[in-house]
Amino acid sequence: MYKRVKKFNLNTSDKAHGQLMLRNLFTSLLLHGKVETTIKRAKELKRFALRQISYYNRDLPVLVKKTWLKQNITTRKFFKKALENLERVKGDFRLSLKRTRFRAGDGALMAEVRILNFEPKKNV
């Protein structure tokens, strides 16, 4: 019997726009360690990030991993920083989703997605 595979559903006007929005959120998550967004986007981001990181953790050559990362982040300027952060949390990549507040403008429920063992480098 056919079982439908659950796709990302962000109710955007265009499927490509929703995927790009997820890539932008994923890039911010890798660079800063946490992102605050609406609850629906946060749930989809968590699912997307865990899927992407499970691919990254496979036993692949370094060049393949770098090419994959260039395709999945949106900011080439911070490629080295994202690669360093990803290598630091590679072995134990866990995400937490915490509801934070209601947005002032429309009352949407906001949530924070955080990498649990992420510690930013301190500039000396």
C-alpha atoms as a PDB file:
ATOM      1  CA  MET A   1       0.000   0.000   0.000  1.00  0.00           C
ATOM      2  CA  TYR A   2       1.254   3.425  -0.940  1.00  0.00           C
ATOM      3  CA  LYS A   3       2.255   5.678   1.953  1.00  0.00           C
ATOM      4  CA  ARG A   4       2.765   9.349   1.261  1.00  0.00           C
ATOM      5  CA  VAL A   5       6.150  10.746   2.257  1.00  0.00           C
ATOM      6  CA  LYS A   6       5.723  13.866   4.404  1.00  0.00           C
ATOM      7  CA  LYS A   7       7.200  16.895   2.662  1.00  0.00           C
ATOM      8  CA  PHE A   8       8.129  20.235   4.156  1.00  0.00           C
ATOM      9  CA  ASN A   9       4.996  22.343   4.507  1.00  0.00           C
ATOM     10  CA  LEU A  10       5.510  26.014   5.208  1.00  0.00           C
ATOM     11  CA  ASN A  11       2.438  27.299   3.331  1.00  0.00           C
ATOM     12  CA  THR A  12       4.505  29.568   1.134  1.00  0.00           C
ATOM     13  CA  SER A  13       3.351  30.762  -2.252  1.00  0.00           C
ATOM     14  CA  ASP A  14       6.179  28.920  -3.967  1.00  0.00           C
ATOM     15  CA  LYS A  15       7.903  25.637  -3.049  1.00  0.00           C
ATOM     16  CA  ALA A  16      11.331  27.037  -3.943  1.00  0.00           C
ATOM     17  CA  HIS A  17      10.740  29.995  -1.628  1.00  0.00           C
ATOM     18  CA  GLY A  18      10.018  27.658   1.291  1.00  0.00           C
ATOM     19  CA  GLN A  19      13.146  25.622   0.605  1.00  0.00           C
ATOM     20  CA  LEU A  20      15.284  28.746   0.371  1.00  0.00           C
ATOM     21  CA  MET A  21      13.825  30.010   3.636  1.00  0.00           C
ATOM     22  CA  LEU A  22      14.816  26.719   5.301  1.00  0.00           C
ATOM     23  CA  ARG A  23      18.339  27.014   3.881  1.00  0.00           C
ATOM     24  CA  ASN A  24      18.606  30.569   5.238  1.00  0.00           C
ATOM     25  CA  LEU A  25      17.482  29.441   8.683  1.00  0.00           C
ATOM     26  CA  PHE A  26      19.906  26.491   8.552  1.00  0.00           C
ATOM     27  CA  THR A  27      22.764  28.847   7.643  1.00  0.00           C
ATOM     28  CA  SER A  28      21.944  31.143  10.560  1.00  0.00           C
ATOM     29  CA  LEU A  29      21.725  28.149  12.871  1.00  0.00           C
ATOM     30  CA  LEU A  30      25.204  26.956  11.852  1.00  0.00           C
ATOM     31  CA  LEU A  31      26.727  30.413  12.194  1.00  0.00           C
ATOM     32  CA  HIS A  32      25.157  31.573  15.465  1.00  0.00           C
ATOM     33  CA  GLY A  33      24.070  28.393  17.214  1.00  0.00           C
ATOM     34  CA  LYS A  34      20.476  29.541  17.706  1.00  0.00           C
ATOM     35  CA  VAL A  35      17.588  30.988  15.712  1.00  0.00           C
ATOM     36  CA  GLU A  36      14.266  32.452  16.813  1.00  0.00           C
ATOM     37  CA  THR A  37      11.366  31.981  14.415  1.00  0.00           C
ATOM     38  CA  THR A  38       7.717  30.927  14.396  1.00  0.00           C
ATOM     39  CA  ILE A  39       6.828  27.529  15.822  1.00  0.00           C
ATOM     40  CA  LYS A  40       5.901  26.003  12.454  1.00  0.00           C
ATOM     41  CA  ARG A  41       9.132  27.108  10.806  1.00  0.00           C
ATOM     42  CA  ALA A  42      11.100  25.940  13.852  1.00  0.00           C
ATOM     43  CA  LYS A  43       9.659  22.429  13.617  1.00  0.00           C
ATOM     44  CA  GLU A  44      10.444  22.224   9.913  1.00  0.00           C
ATOM     45  CA  LEU A  45      13.943  23.644  10.511  1.00  0.00           C
ATOM     46  CA  LYS A  46      14.651  21.015  13.150  1.00  0.00           C
ATOM     47  CA  ARG A  47      13.586  18.260  10.766  1.00  0.00           C
ATOM     48  CA  PHE A  48      15.571  19.771   7.891  1.00  0.00           C
ATOM     49  CA  ALA A  49      18.733  20.296   9.963  1.00  0.00           C
ATOM     50  CA  LEU A  50      18.738  16.774  11.392  1.00  0.00           C
ATOM     51  CA  ARG A  51      18.358  15.342   7.897  1.00  0.00           C
ATOM     52  CA  GLN A  52      21.201  17.488   6.541  1.00  0.00           C
ATOM     53  CA  ILE A  53      23.548  16.720   9.414  1.00  0.00           C
ATOM     54  CA  SER A  54      22.918  12.985   9.175  1.00  0.00           C
ATOM     55  CA  TYR A  55      24.091  13.219   5.551  1.00  0.00           C
ATOM     56  CA  TYR A  56      27.159  15.233   6.626  1.00  0.00           C
ATOM     57  CA  ASN A  57      28.095  12.672   9.288  1.00  0.00           C
ATOM     58  CA  ARG A  58      28.354   9.854   6.761  1.00  0.00           C
ATOM     59  CA  ASP A  59      31.770   8.509   5.861  1.00  0.00           C
ATOM     60  CA  LEU A  60      32.430  10.683   2.802  1.00  0.00           C
ATOM     61  CA  PRO A  61      35.571  12.330   1.385  1.00  0.00           C
ATOM     62  CA  VAL A  62      36.341  15.841   2.621  1.00  0.00           C
ATOM     63  CA  LEU A  63      35.851  17.385  -0.815  1.00  0.00           C
ATOM     64  CA  VAL A  64      32.341  15.919  -1.067  1.00  0.00           C
ATOM     65  CA  LYS A  65      31.457  17.341   2.355  1.00  0.00           C
ATOM     66  CA  LYS A  66      32.734  20.808   1.434  1.00  0.00           C
ATOM     67  CA  THR A  67      30.812  20.769  -1.836  1.00  0.00           C
ATOM     68  CA  TRP A  68      27.679  19.676   0.005  1.00  0.00           C
ATOM     69  CA  LEU A  69      28.071  22.501   2.525  1.00  0.00           C
ATOM     70  CA  LYS A  70      28.524  25.091  -0.237  1.00  0.00           C
ATOM     71  CA  GLN A  71      25.265  23.919  -1.789  1.00  0.00           C
ATOM     72  CA  ASN A  72      23.302  23.976   1.479  1.00  0.00           C
ATOM     73  CA  ILE A  73      24.316  27.294   2.999  1.00  0.00           C
ATOM     74  CA  THR A  74      23.320  30.581   1.453  1.00  0.00           C
ATOM     75  CA  THR A  75      26.242  32.781   2.505  1.00  0.00           C
ATOM     76  CA  ARG A  76      29.545  31.914   0.839  1.00  0.00           C
ATOM     77  CA  LYS A  77      31.247  34.668   2.817  1.00  0.00           C
ATOM     78  CA  PHE A  78      30.960  32.667   6.051  1.00  0.00           C
ATOM     79  CA  PHE A  79      31.745  29.258   4.548  1.00  0.00           C
ATOM     80  CA  LYS A  80      34.897  28.673   6.643  1.00  0.00           C
ATOM     81  CA  LYS A  81      33.176  29.740   9.858  1.00  0.00           C
ATOM     82  CA  ALA A  82      30.205  27.454   9.171  1.00  0.00           C
ATOM     83  CA  LEU A  83      32.576  24.558   8.396  1.00  0.00           C
ATOM     84  CA  GLU A  84      34.466  25.098  11.674  1.00  0.00           C
ATOM     85  CA  ASN A  85      31.244  25.242  13.687  1.00  0.00           C
ATOM     86  CA  LEU A  86      29.921  22.125  11.983  1.00  0.00           C
ATOM     87  CA  GLU A  87      33.123  20.198  12.682  1.00  0.00           C
ATOM     88  CA  ARG A  88      32.984  21.171  16.363  1.00  0.00           C
ATOM     89  CA  VAL A  89      29.476  19.811  16.866  1.00  0.00           C
ATOM     90  CA  LYS A  90      29.669  17.008  14.306  1.00  0.00           C
ATOM     91  CA  GLY A  91      29.831  14.050  16.663  1.00  0.00           C
ATOM     92  CA  ASP A  92      27.019  15.086  18.984  1.00  0.00           C
ATOM     93  CA  PHE A  93      24.588  17.266  17.024  1.00  0.00           C
ATOM     94  CA  ARG A  94      21.414  17.750  19.079  1.00  0.00           C
ATOM     95  CA  LEU A  95      18.804  20.435  18.728  1.00  0.00           C
ATOM     96  CA  SER A  96      16.381  21.826  21.261  1.00  0.00           C
ATOM     97  CA  LEU A  97      13.148  23.586  20.428  1.00  0.00           C
ATOM     98  CA  LYS A  98      11.848  25.943  23.094  1.00  0.00           C
ATOM     99  CA  ARG A  99       8.753  28.127  22.891  1.00  0.00           C
ATOM    100  CA  THR A 100       9.679  31.650  23.856  1.00  0.00           C
ATOM    101  CA  ARG A 101       6.985  34.320  23.419  1.00  0.00           C
ATOM    102  CA  PHE A 102       4.179  35.693  21.297  1.00  0.00           C
ATOM    103  CA  ARG A 103       5.185  38.057  18.512  1.00  0.00           C
ATOM    104  CA  ALA A 104       4.041  41.644  19.087  1.00  0.00           C
ATOM    105  CA  GLY A 105       2.629  42.349  15.625  1.00  0.00           C
ATOM    106  CA  ASP A 106       0.352  39.401  14.941  1.00  0.00           C
ATOM    107  CA  GLY A 107       0.537  37.288  18.087  1.00  0.00           C
ATOM    108  CA  ALA A 108       2.292  34.344  16.409  1.00  0.00           C
ATOM    109  CA  LEU A 109       3.914  31.857  18.767  1.00  0.00           C
ATOM    110  CA  MET A 110       7.710  32.139  18.540  1.00  0.00           C
ATOM    111  CA  ALA A 111      10.218  29.369  19.216  1.00  0.00           C
ATOM    112  CA  GLU A 112      13.978  29.175  19.569  1.00  0.00           C
ATOM    113  CA  VAL A 113      15.954  26.389  17.912  1.00  0.00           C
ATOM    114  CA  ARG A 114      19.325  25.908  19.559  1.00  0.00           C
ATOM    115  CA  ILE A 115      22.285  23.586  19.025  1.00  0.00           C
ATOM    116  CA  LEU A 116      22.854  22.137  22.475  1.00  0.00           C
ATOM    117  CA  ASN A 117      26.627  21.683  22.518  1.00  0.00           C
ATOM    118  CA  PHE A 118      27.423  24.850  20.541  1.00  0.00           C
ATOM    119  CA  GLU A 119      29.890  27.212  22.153  1.00  0.00           C
ATOM    120  CA  PRO A 120      30.967  30.183  20.046  1.00  0.00           C
ATOM    121  CA  LYS A 121      34.649  30.903  19.742  1.00  0.00           C
ATOM    122  CA  LYS A 122      35.852  33.731  21.909  1.00  0.00           C
ATOM    123  CA  ASN A 123      37.889  36.422  20.168  1.00  0.00           C
ATOM    124  CA  VAL A 124      40.937  37.349  22.195  1.00  0.00           C
END
